[in-house]
C-alpha atoms as a PDB file:
ATOM      1  CA  MET A   1      -0.487   1.133   5.604  1.00  0.00           C
ATOM      2  CA  LEU A   2      -0.749   2.619   2.369  1.00  0.00           C
ATOM      3  CA  GLY A   3       0.808  -0.834   0.794  1.00  0.00           C
ATOM      4  CA  ILE A   4      -2.652  -2.126   0.859  1.00  0.00           C
ATOM      5  CA  LEU A   5      -3.747   0.116  -1.424  1.00  0.00           C
ATOM      6  CA  LEU A   6      -1.406  -1.844  -4.598  1.00  0.00           C
ATOM      7  CA  PRO A   7      -3.634  -4.966  -3.925  1.00  0.00           C
ATOM      8  CA  VAL A   8      -6.694  -2.870  -4.194  1.00  0.00           C
ATOM      9  CA  ILE A   9      -5.549  -0.974  -7.169  1.00  0.00           C
ATOM     10  CA  LEU A  10      -4.452  -4.277  -8.824  1.00  0.00           C
ATOM     11  CA  ILE A  11      -7.586  -5.857  -8.283  1.00  0.00           C
ATOM     12  CA  TYR A  12      -9.654  -3.381  -9.795  1.00  0.00           C
ATOM     13  CA  VAL A  13      -7.492  -3.557 -12.534  1.00  0.00           C
ATOM     14  CA  PHE A  14      -8.651  -7.115 -13.204  1.00  0.00           C
ATOM     15  CA  SER A  15     -12.087  -5.983 -13.177  1.00  0.00           C
ATOM     16  CA  VAL A  16     -11.485  -3.281 -15.842  1.00  0.00           C
ATOM     17  CA  PHE A  17     -10.019  -6.248 -18.237  1.00  0.00           C
ATOM     18  CA  ASN A  18     -13.256  -8.567 -17.444  1.00  0.00           C
ATOM     19  CA  LEU A  19     -15.493  -6.300 -18.219  1.00  0.00           C
ATOM     20  CA  ILE A  20     -13.707  -4.632 -21.249  1.00  0.00           C
ATOM     21  CA  GLY A  21     -14.310  -8.996 -22.278  1.00  0.00           C
ATOM     22  CA  ILE A  22     -17.949  -8.940 -20.994  1.00  0.00           C
ATOM     23  CA  LYS A  23     -19.298  -5.904 -21.147  1.00  0.00           C
ATOM     24  CA  LYS A  24     -17.495  -3.144 -22.312  1.00  0.00           C
ATOM     25  CA  GLU A  25     -20.310  -0.613 -22.773  1.00  0.00           C
ATOM     26  CA  LEU A  26     -20.160  -0.355 -18.839  1.00  0.00           C
ATOM     27  CA  LEU A  27     -16.492   0.724 -19.004  1.00  0.00           C
ATOM     28  CA  PHE A  28     -16.240   4.491 -18.351  1.00  0.00           C
ATOM     29  CA  ILE A  29     -18.888   4.446 -15.841  1.00  0.00           C
ATOM     30  CA  HIS A  30     -17.223   1.918 -14.440  1.00  0.00           C
ATOM     31  CA  LEU A  31     -14.168   3.876 -14.345  1.00  0.00           C
ATOM     32  CA  PHE A  32     -16.231   6.862 -13.222  1.00  0.00           C
ATOM     33  CA  TYR A  33     -17.216   4.958 -10.219  1.00  0.00           C
ATOM     34  CA  PHE A  34     -13.513   4.135  -9.308  1.00  0.00           C
ATOM     35  CA  ALA A  35     -12.903   8.102  -9.379  1.00  0.00           C
ATOM     36  CA  VAL A  36     -15.580   8.943  -7.433  1.00  0.00           C
ATOM     37  CA  GLY A  37     -14.359   6.239  -5.396  1.00  0.00           C
ATOM     38  CA  LEU A  38     -10.813   7.660  -5.198  1.00  0.00           C
ATOM     39  CA  VAL A  39     -12.442  11.182  -4.169  1.00  0.00           C
ATOM     40  CA  GLY A  40     -13.657  10.068  -1.383  1.00  0.00           C
ATOM     41  CA  PHE A  41     -11.315   7.995  -0.145  1.00  0.00           C
ATOM     42  CA  ILE A  42      -8.974  11.633   0.205  1.00  0.00           C
ATOM     43  CA  LEU A  43     -11.803  13.189   1.427  1.00  0.00           C
ATOM     44  CA  VAL A  44     -12.145  10.810   4.075  1.00  0.00           C
ATOM     45  CA  ARG A  45      -8.645  11.264   5.404  1.00  0.00           C
ATOM     46  CA  TYR A  46      -8.364  14.750   4.552  1.00  0.00           C
ATOM     47  CA  ILE A  47     -11.101  15.756   6.997  1.00  0.00           C
ATOM     48  CA  GLY A  48      -9.926  12.538   9.356  1.00  0.00           C
ATOM     49  CA  ASN A  49     -12.026  10.183  11.263  1.00  0.00           C
ATOM     50  CA  LYS A  50     -12.594  12.479  14.200  1.00  0.00           C
ATOM     51  CA  PHE A  51     -15.582  14.212  12.450  1.00  0.00           C
ATOM     52  CA  PHE A  52     -17.166  11.094  10.919  1.00  0.00           C
ATOM     53  CA  LYS A  53     -16.811   9.254  15.080  1.00  0.00           C
ATOM     54  CA  GLN A  54     -18.171  12.074  16.491  1.00  0.00           C
ATOM     55  CA  ASN A  55     -21.209  12.628  14.193  1.00  0.00           C
ATOM     56  CA  SER A  56     -21.478   8.370  14.038  1.00  0.00           C
ATOM     57  CA  ILE A  57     -24.730   8.490  15.408  1.00  0.00           C
ATOM     58  CA  PHE A  58     -26.076  11.114  12.814  1.00  0.00           C
ATOM     59  CA  PHE A  59     -24.340   8.938  10.000  1.00  0.00           C
ATOM     60  CA  TYR A  60     -26.334   5.817  11.019  1.00  0.00           C
ATOM     61  CA  TRP A  61     -30.044   7.415  11.472  1.00  0.00           C
ATOM     62  CA  PHE A  62     -29.394   9.121   7.867  1.00  0.00           C
ATOM     63  CA  PHE A  63     -28.738   6.394   5.998  1.00  0.00           C
ATOM     64  CA  VAL A  64     -31.670   4.184   8.023  1.00  0.00           C
ATOM     65  CA  GLY A  65     -33.898   6.909   7.066  1.00  0.00           C
ATOM     66  CA  MET A  66     -32.350   6.315   3.492  1.00  0.00           C
ATOM     67  CA  LEU A  67     -33.350   2.324   4.124  1.00  0.00           C
ATOM     68  CA  ILE A  68     -36.838   3.160   4.590  1.00  0.00           C
ATOM     69  CA  VAL A  69     -37.019   6.057   1.530  1.00  0.00           C
ATOM     70  CA  THR A  70     -35.891   2.897  -0.551  1.00  0.00           C
ATOM     71  CA  TYR A  71     -37.868   0.781   1.342  1.00  0.00           C
ATOM     72  CA  ILE A  72     -41.286   3.056   0.780  1.00  0.00           C
ATOM     73  CA  ILE A  73     -40.707   4.459  -3.085  1.00  0.00           C
ATOM     74  CA  GLY A  74     -37.069   2.350  -4.138  1.00  0.00           C
ATOM     75  CA  ALA A  75     -37.040   1.489  -7.881  1.00  0.00           C
ATOM     76  CA  GLU A  76     -38.181  -2.291  -8.056  1.00  0.00           C
ATOM     77  CA  VAL A  77     -35.735  -4.641 -10.134  1.00  0.00           C
ATOM     78  CA  LYS A  78     -35.928  -8.286 -10.223  1.00  0.00           C
ATOM     79  CA  GLY A  79     -38.911  -8.019  -7.200  1.00  0.00           C
ATOM     80  CA  SER A  80     -36.499  -6.333  -5.009  1.00  0.00           C
ATOM     81  CA  GLN A  81     -36.486  -2.303  -3.834  1.00  0.00           C
ATOM     82  CA  ARG A  82     -32.571  -2.094  -3.386  1.00  0.00           C
ATOM     83  CA  TRP A  83     -32.170   1.167  -4.962  1.00  0.00           C
ATOM     84  CA  ILE A  84     -33.298   5.064  -5.335  1.00  0.00           C
ATOM     85  CA  ASP A  85     -32.916   6.217  -8.982  1.00  0.00           C
ATOM     86  CA  LEU A  86     -31.343   9.055  -8.915  1.00  0.00           C
ATOM     87  CA  GLY A  87     -31.693   9.151 -13.169  1.00  0.00           C
ATOM     88  CA  PHE A  88     -28.353   8.687 -14.209  1.00  0.00           C
ATOM     89  CA  THR A  89     -27.786   6.226 -12.105  1.00  0.00           C
ATOM     90  CA  ARG A  90     -29.109   4.175  -8.966  1.00  0.00           C
ATOM     91  CA  PHE A  91     -28.394   4.653  -5.509  1.00  0.00           C
ATOM     92  CA  GLN A  92     -27.998   1.495  -2.779  1.00  0.00           C
ATOM     93  CA  PRO A  93     -28.318   2.947   0.343  1.00  0.00           C
ATOM     94  CA  SER A  94     -27.632  -1.134   2.322  1.00  0.00           C
ATOM     95  CA  GLU A  95     -24.068  -0.160   0.554  1.00  0.00           C
ATOM     96  CA  PHE A  96     -22.766   3.038   2.483  1.00  0.00           C
ATOM     97  CA  PHE A  97     -25.045   1.705   4.826  1.00  0.00           C
ATOM     98  CA  LYS A  98     -22.360  -1.135   5.925  1.00  0.00           C
ATOM     99  CA  ILE A  99     -19.718   1.173   6.312  1.00  0.00           C
ATOM    100  CA  PHE A 100     -21.198   3.851   8.255  1.00  0.00           C
ATOM    101  CA  PHE A 101     -23.048   0.792  10.697  1.00  0.00           C
ATOM    102  CA  ILE A 102     -19.533  -0.576  11.572  1.00  0.00           C
ATOM    103  CA  LEU A 103     -18.219   3.346  11.656  1.00  0.00           C
ATOM    104  CA  PHE A 104     -21.497   3.694  14.338  1.00  0.00           C
ATOM    105  CA  LEU A 105     -20.639   0.015  16.334  1.00  0.00           C
ATOM    106  CA  ALA A 106     -16.630   1.362  16.889  1.00  0.00           C
ATOM    107  CA  ASP A 107     -18.237   4.706  18.311  1.00  0.00           C
ATOM    108  CA  PHE A 108     -20.613   2.713  20.636  1.00  0.00           C
ATOM    109  CA  TYR A 109     -18.454  -0.364  21.895  1.00  0.00           C
ATOM    110  CA  SER A 110     -15.807   2.840  22.123  1.00  0.00           C
ATOM    111  CA  ARG A 111     -17.333   4.955  24.579  1.00  0.00           C
ATOM    112  CA  LYS A 112     -16.873   2.908  27.536  1.00  0.00           C
ATOM    113  CA  ARG A 113     -14.195   0.928  29.190  1.00  0.00           C
ATOM    114  CA  ARG A 114     -16.042  -1.047  31.760  1.00  0.00           C
ATOM    115  CA  PHE A 115     -19.630  -1.625  30.829  1.00  0.00           C
ATOM    116  CA  ASP A 116     -21.647  -1.874  34.444  1.00  0.00           C
ATOM    117  CA  ASN A 117     -24.781  -2.476  33.103  1.00  0.00           C
ATOM    118  CA  ALA A 118     -23.649  -5.040  30.521  1.00  0.00           C
ATOM    119  CA  SER A 119     -26.958  -6.344  30.155  1.00  0.00           C
ATOM    120  CA  LEU A 120     -28.571  -3.026  28.979  1.00  0.00           C
ATOM    121  CA  TYR A 121     -25.872  -1.593  26.652  1.00  0.00           C
ATOM    122  CA  PHE A 122     -25.890  -5.452  25.029  1.00  0.00           C
ATOM    123  CA  LEU A 123     -29.649  -4.793  24.286  1.00  0.00           C
ATOM    124  CA  LYS A 124     -29.090  -1.042  23.062  1.00  0.00           C
ATOM    125  CA  GLY A 125     -26.527  -2.581  20.966  1.00  0.00           C
ATOM    126  CA  PHE A 126     -28.638  -5.238  19.579  1.00  0.00           C
ATOM    127  CA  ILE A 127     -31.329  -3.178  19.123  1.00  0.00           C
ATOM    128  CA  TYR A 128     -29.272  -0.787  16.822  1.00  0.00           C
ATOM    129  CA  PHE A 129     -28.344  -3.649  14.894  1.00  0.00           C
ATOM    130  CA  LEU A 130     -31.716  -5.097  14.467  1.00  0.00           C
ATOM    131  CA  ILE A 131     -33.479  -1.899  13.035  1.00  0.00           C
ATOM    132  CA  PRO A 132     -31.667  -1.439   9.435  1.00  0.00           C
ATOM    133  CA  THR A 133     -31.262  -5.469   8.964  1.00  0.00           C
ATOM    134  CA  PHE A 134     -34.657  -5.842   9.466  1.00  0.00           C
ATOM    135  CA  ILE A 135     -35.373  -3.003   7.082  1.00  0.00           C
ATOM    136  CA  ILE A 136     -32.715  -4.870   4.091  1.00  0.00           C
ATOM    137  CA  PHE A 137     -34.065  -7.628   4.908  1.00  0.00           C
ATOM    138  CA  LYS A 138     -37.737  -6.668   4.400  1.00  0.00           C
ATOM    139  CA  GLU A 139     -36.628  -4.613   1.047  1.00  0.00           C
ATOM    140  CA  PRO A 140     -35.534  -8.355   0.660  1.00  0.00           C
ATOM    141  CA  ASP A 141     -32.014  -8.254   0.175  1.00  0.00           C
ATOM    142  CA  LEU A 142     -31.246 -11.384   2.451  1.00  0.00           C
ATOM    143  CA  GLY A 143     -27.141 -11.345   1.390  1.00  0.00           C
ATOM    144  CA  SER A 144     -26.684  -7.304   2.982  1.00  0.00           C
ATOM    145  CA  ALA A 145     -28.656  -8.741   6.001  1.00  0.00           C
ATOM    146  CA  MET A 146     -26.283 -11.526   6.592  1.00  0.00           C
ATOM    147  CA  VAL A 147     -23.552  -9.494   6.233  1.00  0.00           C
ATOM    148  CA  LEU A 148     -24.335  -6.832   9.039  1.00  0.00           C
ATOM    149  CA  VAL A 149     -25.027 -10.379  10.958  1.00  0.00           C
ATOM    150  CA  VAL A 150     -22.334 -11.154  11.161  1.00  0.00           C
ATOM    151  CA  ILE A 151     -20.039  -7.518  11.186  1.00  0.00           C
ATOM    152  CA  TYR A 152     -22.300  -7.030  14.421  1.00  0.00           C
ATOM    153  CA  ILE A 153     -21.177 -10.257  15.625  1.00  0.00           C
ATOM    154  CA  VAL A 154     -17.503 -10.085  15.411  1.00  0.00           C
ATOM    155  CA  MET A 155     -17.281  -6.520  16.807  1.00  0.00           C
ATOM    156  CA  THR A 156     -19.783  -7.445  19.839  1.00  0.00           C
ATOM    157  CA  LEU A 157     -17.178  -9.997  20.541  1.00  0.00           C
ATOM    158  CA  PHE A 158     -14.281  -8.081  21.039  1.00  0.00           C
ATOM    159  CA  SER A 159     -16.577  -4.833  22.448  1.00  0.00           C
ATOM    160  CA  GLY A 160     -15.678  -5.662  25.850  1.00  0.00           C
ATOM    161  CA  ILE A 161     -19.223  -6.762  26.719  1.00  0.00           C
ATOM    162  CA  PRO A 162     -19.247 -10.088  28.625  1.00  0.00           C
ATOM    163  CA  LYS A 163     -19.769 -13.635  26.169  1.00  0.00           C
ATOM    164  CA  LYS A 164     -22.110 -15.006  28.080  1.00  0.00           C
ATOM    165  CA  TYR A 165     -24.126 -12.434  25.914  1.00  0.00           C
ATOM    166  CA  ILE A 166     -22.921 -13.330  22.447  1.00  0.00           C
ATOM    167  CA  PHE A 167     -24.220 -16.560  23.086  1.00  0.00           C
ATOM    168  CA  TYR A 168     -27.018 -16.281  24.247  1.00  0.00           C
ATOM    169  CA  LEU A 169     -27.843 -14.348  20.827  1.00  0.00           C
ATOM    170  CA  ILE A 170     -26.120 -17.577  18.838  1.00  0.00           C
ATOM    171  CA  LEU A 171     -27.878 -20.058  20.833  1.00  0.00           C
ATOM    172  CA  ILE A 172     -31.517 -18.253  20.574  1.00  0.00           C
ATOM    173  CA  THR A 173     -30.579 -17.250  17.096  1.00  0.00           C
ATOM    174  CA  THR A 174     -30.176 -21.350  16.185  1.00  0.00           C
ATOM    175  CA  LEU A 175     -33.261 -22.174  18.076  1.00  0.00           C
ATOM    176  CA  THR A 176     -35.391 -19.939  15.540  1.00  0.00           C
ATOM    177  CA  LEU A 177     -33.474 -20.705  12.468  1.00  0.00           C
ATOM    178  CA  PRO A 178     -36.147 -23.191  11.817  1.00  0.00           C
ATOM    179  CA  VAL A 179     -39.098 -20.640  12.415  1.00  0.00           C
ATOM    180  CA  SER A 180     -36.755 -18.096   9.949  1.00  0.00           C
ATOM    181  CA  TRP A 181     -37.598 -20.427   7.113  1.00  0.00           C
ATOM    182  CA  HIS A 182     -41.002 -19.599   6.603  1.00  0.00           C
ATOM    183  CA  PHE A 183     -40.215 -15.604   6.791  1.00  0.00           C
ATOM    184  CA  LEU A 184     -37.982 -16.182   3.464  1.00  0.00           C
ATOM    185  CA  HIS A 185     -39.501 -15.284   0.187  1.00  0.00           C
ATOM    186  CA  ASP A 186     -39.976 -18.165  -2.440  1.00  0.00           C
ATOM    187  CA  TYR A 187     -36.762 -17.661  -4.363  1.00  0.00           C
ATOM    188  CA  GLN A 188     -34.688 -17.427  -0.967  1.00  0.00           C
ATOM    189  CA  LYS A 189     -36.069 -20.943  -0.393  1.00  0.00           C
ATOM    190  CA  SER A 190     -35.247 -22.649  -4.114  1.00  0.00           C
ATOM    191  CA  ARG A 191     -31.449 -21.016  -3.707  1.00  0.00           C
ATOM    192  CA  PHE A 192     -31.240 -23.341  -0.324  1.00  0.00           C
ATOM    193  CA  LEU A 193     -32.982 -26.496  -1.716  1.00  0.00           C
ATOM    194  CA  ALA A 194     -31.286 -25.747  -5.306  1.00  0.00           C
ATOM    195  CA  PHE A 195     -28.262 -26.255  -3.348  1.00  0.00           C
ATOM    196  CA  VAL A 196     -28.724 -28.773  -1.103  1.00  0.00           C
ATOM    197  CA  ASN A 197     -30.145 -30.298  -3.600  1.00  0.00           C
ATOM    198  CA  PHE A 198     -28.430 -30.000  -6.611  1.00  0.00           C
ATOM    199  CA  HIS A 199     -30.889 -31.489  -9.442  1.00  0.00           C
ATOM    200  CA  ILE A 200     -34.143 -29.243  -8.615  1.00  0.00           C
ATOM    201  CA  LYS A 201     -35.152 -27.371 -10.675  1.00  0.00           C
ATOM    202  CA  ASN A 202     -37.434 -24.367  -9.090  1.00  0.00           C
ATOM    203  CA  GLU A 203     -37.351 -21.001 -10.207  1.00  0.00           C
ATOM    204  CA  ASN A 204     -34.149 -21.041 -12.116  1.00  0.00           C
ATOM    205  CA  ALA A 205     -31.832 -21.521  -8.841  1.00  0.00           C
ATOM    206  CA  SER A 206     -30.029 -24.677  -9.870  1.00  0.00           C
ATOM    207  CA  TYR A 207     -29.843 -22.801 -13.233  1.00  0.00           C
ATOM    208  CA  ASN A 208     -27.483 -19.712 -12.129  1.00  0.00           C
ATOM    209  CA  MET A 209     -25.881 -22.455  -9.988  1.00  0.00           C
ATOM    210  CA  THR A 210     -24.824 -24.757 -12.939  1.00  0.00           C
ATOM    211  CA  GLN A 211     -23.914 -21.807 -15.469  1.00  0.00           C
ATOM    212  CA  ALA A 212     -21.529 -20.088 -12.455  1.00  0.00           C
ATOM    213  CA  ILE A 213     -19.537 -23.563 -12.382  1.00  0.00           C
ATOM    214  CA  ILE A 214     -19.726 -24.546 -16.367  1.00  0.00           C
ATOM    215  CA  THR A 215     -18.280 -20.675 -16.580  1.00  0.00           C
ATOM    216  CA  SER A 216     -15.587 -21.058 -14.152  1.00  0.00           C
ATOM    217  CA  GLY A 217     -13.864 -24.335 -15.601  1.00  0.00           C
ATOM    218  CA  SER A 218     -14.788 -23.726 -19.197  1.00  0.00           C
ATOM    219  CA  GLY A 219     -11.532 -21.139 -18.353  1.00  0.00           C
ATOM    220  CA  GLN A 220      -9.474 -23.931 -17.413  1.00  0.00           C
ATOM    221  CA  LEU A 221      -5.569 -23.086 -16.251  1.00  0.00           C
ATOM    222  CA  ALA A 222      -4.859 -20.057 -18.967  1.00  0.00           C
ATOM    223  CA  GLY A 223      -8.600 -19.106 -19.538  1.00  0.00           C
ATOM    224  CA  ARG A 224     -10.512 -18.499 -23.010  1.00  0.00           C
ATOM    225  CA  GLY A 225      -9.316 -15.015 -23.684  1.00  0.00           C
ATOM    226  CA  LEU A 226     -10.090 -11.292 -23.833  1.00  0.00           C
ATOM    227  CA  ALA A 227     -13.723 -11.268 -24.764  1.00  0.00           C
ATOM    228  CA  MET A 228     -13.612 -14.996 -25.694  1.00  0.00           C
ATOM    229  CA  GLY A 229     -15.612 -16.130 -22.666  1.00  0.00           C
ATOM    230  CA  LYS A 230     -19.045 -18.267 -24.691  1.00  0.00           C
ATOM    231  CA  GLN A 231     -21.124 -18.950 -21.725  1.00  0.00           C
ATOM    232  CA  SER A 232     -21.116 -14.536 -20.829  1.00  0.00           C
ATOM    233  CA  LYS A 233     -20.929 -13.097 -24.194  1.00  0.00           C
ATOM    234  CA  LEU A 234     -23.560 -15.499 -25.179  1.00  0.00           C
ATOM    235  CA  TYR A 235     -25.587 -15.283 -21.971  1.00  0.00           C
ATOM    236  CA  PHE A 236     -26.109 -18.734 -20.789  1.00  0.00           C
ATOM    237  CA  LEU A 237     -24.389 -16.954 -17.062  1.00  0.00           C
ATOM    238  CA  PRO A 238     -26.602 -14.222 -15.492  1.00  0.00           C
ATOM    239  CA  GLU A 239     -25.595 -11.548 -13.851  1.00  0.00           C
ATOM    240  CA  TYR A 240     -22.436 -11.762 -15.383  1.00  0.00           C
ATOM    241  CA  HIS A 241     -21.192  -9.193 -14.467  1.00  0.00           C
ATOM    242  CA  THR A 242     -22.463  -8.540 -10.408  1.00  0.00           C
ATOM    243  CA  ASP A 243     -23.097 -11.430  -8.755  1.00  0.00           C
ATOM    244  CA  PHE A 244     -21.411 -13.597 -11.200  1.00  0.00           C
ATOM    245  CA  ALA A 245     -18.249 -11.568 -11.895  1.00  0.00           C
ATOM    246  CA  PHE A 246     -15.657 -13.946 -10.837  1.00  0.00           C
ATOM    247  CA  SER A 247     -17.374 -16.525 -13.314  1.00  0.00           C
ATOM    248  CA  SER A 248     -16.674 -14.693 -16.022  1.00  0.00           C
ATOM    249  CA  LEU A 249     -12.710 -13.884 -15.124  1.00  0.00           C
ATOM    250  CA  VAL A 250     -11.579 -17.347 -14.570  1.00  0.00           C
ATOM    251  CA  GLU A 251     -13.765 -17.744 -17.783  1.00  0.00           C
ATOM    252  CA  GLN A 252     -10.995 -14.970 -19.642  1.00  0.00           C
ATOM    253  CA  PHE A 253      -8.260 -15.484 -17.652  1.00  0.00           C
ATOM    254  CA  GLY A 254      -8.320 -19.022 -16.015  1.00  0.00           C
ATOM    255  CA  PHE A 255      -7.486 -20.493 -13.030  1.00  0.00           C
ATOM    256  CA  VAL A 256      -4.390 -18.416 -13.173  1.00  0.00           C
ATOM    257  CA  GLY A 257      -6.307 -15.406 -13.575  1.00  0.00           C
ATOM    258  CA  GLY A 258      -9.224 -16.230 -10.855  1.00  0.00           C
ATOM    259  CA  GLY A 259      -6.132 -17.229  -8.299  1.00  0.00           C
ATOM    260  CA  THR A 260      -3.860 -14.046  -8.746  1.00  0.00           C
ATOM    261  CA  VAL A 261      -7.488 -12.128  -8.080  1.00  0.00           C
ATOM    262  CA  ILE A 262      -7.828 -14.606  -4.909  1.00  0.00           C
ATOM    263  CA  ALA A 263      -4.138 -14.329  -3.749  1.00  0.00           C
ATOM    264  CA  LEU A 264      -4.626 -10.801  -3.631  1.00  0.00           C
ATOM    265  CA  TYR A 265      -7.449 -10.638  -1.614  1.00  0.00           C
ATOM    266  CA  LEU A 266      -5.079 -12.970   0.936  1.00  0.00           C
ATOM    267  CA  VAL A 267      -1.852 -10.007   0.549  1.00  0.00           C
ATOM    268  CA  ILE A 268      -5.105  -7.371   1.421  1.00  0.00           C
ATOM    269  CA  SER A 269      -6.107  -9.848   4.458  1.00  0.00           C
ATOM    270  CA  PHE A 270      -2.669  -9.448   5.732  1.00  0.00           C
ATOM    271  CA  PHE A 271      -2.588  -6.153   5.804  1.00  0.00           C
ATOM    272  CA  ILE A 272      -5.407  -5.541   7.906  1.00  0.00           C
ATOM    273  CA  LEU A 273      -4.938  -8.621  10.110  1.00  0.00           C
ATOM    274  CA  TYR A 274      -1.343  -7.159  10.666  1.00  0.00           C
ATOM    275  CA  LYS A 275      -3.261  -3.908  11.528  1.00  0.00           C
ATOM    276  CA  LEU A 276      -5.053  -5.340  13.556  1.00  0.00           C
ATOM    277  CA  TYR A 277      -2.491  -6.901  15.980  1.00  0.00           C
ATOM    278  CA  GLU A 278      -0.700  -4.280  16.214  1.00  0.00           C
ATOM    279  CA  LEU A 279      -3.810  -2.394  17.483  1.00  0.00           C
ATOM    280  CA  TYR A 280      -4.669  -5.216  20.139  1.00  0.00           C
ATOM    281  CA  LYS A 281      -1.367  -5.075  21.349  1.00  0.00           C
ATOM    282  CA  ASN A 282      -2.359  -1.078  22.859  1.00  0.00           C
ATOM    283  CA  PHE A 283      -6.336  -1.815  22.744  1.00  0.00           C
ATOM    284  CA  ASP A 284      -7.230   0.540  25.915  1.00  0.00           C
ATOM    285  CA  THR A 285      -5.849   3.021  23.578  1.00  0.00           C
ATOM    286  CA  HIS A 286      -7.208   2.221  20.327  1.00  0.00           C
ATOM    287  CA  LYS A 287     -10.289   0.457  20.677  1.00  0.00           C
ATOM    288  CA  PHE A 288     -12.731   2.679  18.478  1.00  0.00           C
ATOM    289  CA  GLN A 289      -9.523   2.082  15.591  1.00  0.00           C
ATOM    290  CA  PHE A 290      -9.196  -2.040  16.532  1.00  0.00           C
ATOM    291  CA  LEU A 291     -13.076  -2.205  16.071  1.00  0.00           C
ATOM    292  CA  TYR A 292     -13.673  -0.134  13.254  1.00  0.00           C
ATOM    293  CA  ILE A 293     -10.589  -2.323  11.521  1.00  0.00           C
ATOM    294  CA  ALA A 294     -12.591  -5.579  12.510  1.00  0.00           C
ATOM    295  CA  GLY A 295     -15.738  -4.931  11.584  1.00  0.00           C
ATOM    296  CA  PHE A 296     -14.242  -3.728   8.265  1.00  0.00           C
ATOM    297  CA  PHE A 297     -12.594  -7.152   7.840  1.00  0.00           C
ATOM    298  CA  SER A 298     -15.287  -9.165   8.223  1.00  0.00           C
ATOM    299  CA  PHE A 299     -17.699  -7.018   6.299  1.00  0.00           C
ATOM    300  CA  VAL A 300     -14.793  -7.632   3.249  1.00  0.00           C
ATOM    301  CA  PHE A 301     -13.797 -11.746   4.389  1.00  0.00           C
ATOM    302  CA  PHE A 302     -17.248 -12.477   4.139  1.00  0.00           C
ATOM    303  CA  GLN A 303     -18.788 -11.113   1.443  1.00  0.00           C
ATOM    304  CA  ILE A 304     -15.366 -12.467  -0.454  1.00  0.00           C
ATOM    305  CA  VAL A 305     -16.165 -16.124   0.616  1.00  0.00           C
ATOM    306  CA  VAL A 306     -19.695 -15.600  -0.021  1.00  0.00           C
ATOM    307  CA  ASN A 307     -19.253 -14.813  -3.422  1.00  0.00           C
ATOM    308  CA  VAL A 308     -16.479 -16.482  -4.626  1.00  0.00           C
ATOM    309  CA  GLY A 309     -17.808 -19.993  -3.075  1.00  0.00           C
ATOM    310  CA  MET A 310     -21.447 -19.387  -4.709  1.00  0.00           C
ATOM    311  CA  ASN A 311     -19.522 -18.739  -8.325  1.00  0.00           C
ATOM    312  CA  LEU A 312     -17.770 -22.218  -7.676  1.00  0.00           C
ATOM    313  CA  GLY A 313     -21.244 -23.902  -6.052  1.00  0.00           C
ATOM    314  CA  ILE A 314     -19.650 -24.363  -2.562  1.00  0.00           C
ATOM    315  CA  VAL A 315     -22.078 -22.451  -1.142  1.00  0.00           C
ATOM    316  CA  PRO A 316     -25.860 -21.362  -1.776  1.00  0.00           C
ATOM    317  CA  ILE A 317     -26.652 -18.313  -4.264  1.00  0.00           C
ATOM    318  CA  ALA A 318     -27.006 -15.274  -1.411  1.00  0.00           C
ATOM    319  CA  GLY A 319     -26.687 -12.210  -3.918  1.00  0.00           C
ATOM    320  CA  ILE A 320     -23.803 -10.681  -2.178  1.00  0.00           C
ATOM    321  CA  THR A 321     -21.102  -8.713  -4.487  1.00  0.00           C
ATOM    322  CA  LEU A 322     -17.419  -9.034  -4.737  1.00  0.00           C
ATOM    323  CA  PRO A 323     -15.672  -6.201  -3.224  1.00  0.00           C
ATOM    324  CA  LEU A 324     -13.535  -4.616  -6.646  1.00  0.00           C
ATOM    325  CA  VAL A 325     -14.391  -7.040  -8.733  1.00  0.00           C
ATOM    326  CA  SER A 326     -18.525  -7.066  -8.981  1.00  0.00           C
ATOM    327  CA  TYR A 327     -19.696  -4.124 -11.075  1.00  0.00           C
ATOM    328  CA  GLY A 328     -21.952  -1.641  -9.215  1.00  0.00           C
ATOM    329  CA  GLY A 329     -21.271   2.103  -8.062  1.00  0.00           C
ATOM    330  CA  SER A 330     -22.245   1.769  -4.785  1.00  0.00           C
ATOM    331  CA  SER A 331     -20.303  -0.788  -3.498  1.00  0.00           C
ATOM    332  CA  LEU A 332     -17.246   0.190  -4.886  1.00  0.00           C
ATOM    333  CA  ILE A 333     -17.387   3.890  -3.836  1.00  0.00           C
ATOM    334  CA  ALA A 334     -18.629   2.523  -0.379  1.00  0.00           C
ATOM    335  CA  PHE A 335     -15.627  -0.021  -0.018  1.00  0.00           C
ATOM    336  CA  PHE A 336     -12.988   2.827  -0.705  1.00  0.00           C
ATOM    337  CA  ILE A 337     -14.290   5.465   1.758  1.00  0.00           C
ATOM    338  CA  GLY A 338     -14.273   2.207   4.171  1.00  0.00           C
ATOM    339  CA  LEU A 339     -11.249   1.902   3.320  1.00  0.00           C
ATOM    340  CA  GLY A 340      -9.856   5.747   4.244  1.00  0.00           C
ATOM    341  CA  PHE A 341     -11.606   4.812   7.178  1.00  0.00           C
ATOM    342  CA  MET A 342      -8.835   2.405   8.392  1.00  0.00           C
ATOM    343  CA  PHE A 343      -6.263   4.859   8.292  1.00  0.00           C
ATOM    344  CA  GLU A 344      -5.224   7.271  11.646  1.00  0.00           C
END
């Protein structure tokens, strides 16, 4: 399983060169975040999963508390309160909550082998999911809320709870989607409308998607070269080192570079799916580990698909980072901590 670290590090190397080419003044702090992430990975492995499993309820409520604090006094950036300003850096609790929510839910669902009162157990799990998701949605951070939805559905499907409850949940969610539209912010609506009708000019939503597509296409086969990406360097592409870092990478390193990164993600996915297959053969013995890895995989895979998709214009813009590639300390450190929990 340690073989998964090689493609992880190779993707990070791509992110380093990408950042050198578009915003090299952030390189030192990017390397610092990587070092902190590795320390987090090593600490998790040294302490062991048993400690975190036994205290998963504490970590769950601790980060829920952090989400509440962020919503009340968090630093506002472009209309969203997702960060706590520590002076020297910003801390985004929702990124860490994703990992500890997976850990908590894996422990919650693995406590019982049989669900004698399945409806009550399902309801408790749903409430545990609903509280943080609602807070994150109100920040507003629709992307992270969507990630929690995917994590919750995937882990509940494998939990052993009768599938009819999942069917009821999906049915109710589908029927209430038209109502939920009215709870979205104007910029969130404009992003979806811009995706449906590419020529809509509303709050720059179509502009962002257009520039991401142009940036990706301008790289062609081999790319423009390191630090030669005009879309990023001339600031045509918004958020070129975070949400749209993949477009910047493809502009510099072309289809070859972007394809290599995607291939490395597929290698990571193979390692995780193979581990899940091995655990599934002894599901009753390794239920906690199986559920955790299933949740971690759904979290990583969903973010990769959505981020790459929105960079290529095939899914609506959702403000979801690309693991290891997008610049951001909280997401990078949280990823390495989450990776550490995968090893028994």
